[in-house]
Amino acid sequence: MMASLIQDRLTTDQDLLLMQEGMLIRKVRSKSWKKLRYFRLQNDGMTVWHARQAGGSEKPTFSISDVETVRKGHDSELLRSLAEEFPLEQGFTVVFHGRRSNLDLVANSVEEAQTWMQGLQLLVDLVTSMDQQEQLDQWLSDWFQRGDKNQDGRMSFGEVQRLLHLMNVEMDQEYAFNLFQTADISQSGTLEGEEFVQFYKALTKRNEVQELFENFSADGQKLTLLEFVDFLQGEQKEKDNAPDLALELINRYEPSDSGKLRHVLSLDGFLSYLCSKDGDIFNPACLPIYQDMTQPLSHYFINSSHNTYLVGDQLCGQSSVEGYIRCNGVEKRALKRGCRCVEVDVWDGPSGEPVVYHGHTLTSRIPFKDVVAAVAQYAFQTSDYPLILSLENHCSWEQQQTLAQHLTEILGEQLLSTPLDGLLPTQLPSPEQLRGKILLKGKKLETLEEDVEDEDEEEEPECDLELQQGSELEPEPEPQEQEQEQEQEQEPFLRSKDKKKKLKPILCPALSALVVYLKSVPFHTFSHSRENYHFYETSSFSESKARNLVKEAGNEFVQHNTWQLSRVYPSGLRTDSSNYNPQELWNAGCQMVAMNMQTAGLEMDICDGLFRQNGVCGYVLKPDFLRDAQTSFNPERPISPYKAQILLVQVISGQQLPKVNTKEKCIVDPLVKVEIFGIHADTARQETNYVENNGFNPYWGQTLSFRVLVPELTMLRFVVKDYDWKSRNEFIGQFTLPWTCMQQGYRHIHLLSRDGISLHPASIFVYISIQEDLETES
């Protein structure tokens, strides 16, 4: 039942053997909460339980499948703060997928810490490397463990009935007993090992897939090569090299060697194909880097984070380097989710060390140098395309010098501090040219032209503290807290009490010099930008200001974004760290639409969906009509030559949907909602009827129809909900993707949780068809 590799390691690997015996380890929640617990790896190799003491009542702590990675104690903010009490070498951190908090642990010795770190990471790596069949085997093993209540390695019919409720199945008792008896080949009155597998296969028989298979199979037993080619061309719209593709898919998914030799596909192989990445709604050709990465930065949507340091709300939330690091399921928080623009809000701190926090609030503070160290370590783990560090600088002259020092010393060669090749360009460089580089976005004293001219003449700039004497520092505004029409990019100058007289610069030249291609400037009007600004200058807009510009001057905004970068940030009124819909701003070509990535929901699903493509590198090439400086496109009033498309979505069936209510006998009543996001005229949503008491294999068989005018800007979100006539329908799972990455034909949609974590094997089975709207005027 269990993947054999894990089973083998459990009996041979010394670390795993010791973990199965159990150890006393200190669990650390805070500086004051540090308690010894007895941790033990269960015999299934997939769960860790703990008790207050050895031999005590155990309860589950975590599943290996929930673990993303294991870190050393040196990498934990909390454990570093306790370094005088506990040696860091004895500490380690279990990092989970999603928004679950890290688990900080301290072993009694360095050796015991190494045992758990190495053992856990080994299991995580084994689970991560499982193929589709191994994942299913492991899933079955997990269910068997849960159903086998007395843990005797076999399941009675009573245990099977209980398991069916756990698996979201409401089934006639007589029918369930017939399936049980058929699978009980040994006639022992219980199901063991392979018998349970046969019971599961009977339970999950896909009548709709068998019917589809038989429609293309002459004998109902197999698909010949020609029959499979007909299916791929006719239904799956695989026009290019269909015969070669058919051979490749048979070799990949046909389980029998004889079938592979005869170039035929059995029903099992056909189902395996439909459930695979090749049968997924998301086109696998869009998964790696597939777009042109040599165009100017302004031609890309850039995955961007707002107040990246926050892991909670905007007023009292915790500030943490985890905001820059932490994963969030498939697409992860900030750097490890492929985010390429992160925000650093920096203020004067104690002992001359700048700190990062949300100014004028009760959010906690973290040293700026810790943030920079985290950026240096994780900047290019997920994507090696350029990272933009959006610096909100509120520091005094002295601490700006410290900022510049930390940036140059910690980031080293990663930091781009001079123009590429020392030359003055005529447009922004491309992601390809900037690979492996960190770009600072912030205020700057000089123009790029002056920088290039002075580069050979000036030594590295220093901050002359004497310039401050006799002057007072003009305070910076806090745009996130005052709902201003735009983020103010003030001129970096000191002023005397005589406001009309400019004095010395308040921006330290050493820090200013580190800003190259992303000089922050205030936005006035689009004509002002065209007449006074350069391509390397960028403006920021509040969500309300940006929305108004889209409505009032949509085409001008689109044209502006073909040559200059724009950053949009959430309203300061979003104190709960909620999000706005980024689609509205992408429609106008805004590149950096910053999101509160700590907050799950529809808006983050849309953001994750767009950046799921192109290798999760954080850059997505904009459609050509958003890159043309002379474009006539207006997202509010799109006109021809854009031809409308008709999208038909037949929602066929669902598979192994998770329970929403954990009560054993509570079964979901699922429905599927299909949502379209794009230009305003294209935005729509429709849903199926609900299926009563069946989350295991519900069947809908309903077709939904949508008319879409600008598919290049369209996102699709498939969400499964549990119908509740008394209150709002409850979320079960979702998947969001761009129209341009969608495959036609019979496809499975593999669902994700609210946090973006795979709900494998939960899926819905659909048929997708795209047709040209014949009523559209040419």
Foldseek 3Di string as FASTA:
>chain_A
DADVVLLVCCVPPPLNVVQQVWAWKWWDDAPVHIATWIWHQHNSNFWIWIGNDPPHDIDTDDTLQFFDAKAQLVLDPRSVVCCVPAPSLQKMWTAGAALDDIIIIGHPDSVNSCSVRVSSRVSNVVQVPDDPVNVVVNVLVVLVVVLPVVPPQKHALVSVVLSCLQLQFDDDSVVLVVLLVVLPPVPPRIDHDVSSVSSVCVVPPDPVLLVVQPVQDPVSFKHALVSQLCCCVVFQVPPPPSSVVLLVLCVVQAPDPVCNVRSIHGSRSSVSCQLDQNVAQFFPCFQAADDDQFDFLLQWFFQAADLLQFLFFQAATEGHLCSCPAQQACQGHHQQNQHQEYEFEWEQDPPLFIWTGQPPHNYDIDTPLSNLLSCLVRNPPQAQFEHEYEYNDQYFLSSLQVVLVSNCPRNPPQQDLAPVVLDDDQAHGTSVVNGSHYAYAEAAQDALVVCSVCVVPDDQAFFDPVQCPPFDADGADNCLQPVDFFRARDHQFTDHPVNVDTGGGRRGNNNNSSHHQHHEHEDDDLVCCVVPHGLSYEGEGEPVNLLVCLVPPLQSLLLSSLRHAYAYEYHSVRRRQDFDACQSNVLSSHRHDHGNLSDFDDRVLQSSQECSGSSSNRIDRAPPLSNDNPHPARLQDGDPPQFKKKKKKFFFKKASFRDPDSPSNDRFFKKKKKFKDHRPVQTDMDIFGTHPSGPHIGTTRDMDMGIGRCLSSMKMKIWMWGDDPVDDTHTGWMHMHRSVRGTAGWHKHFTADSSRHTPPPIITIIGIDMGTDPPTDD
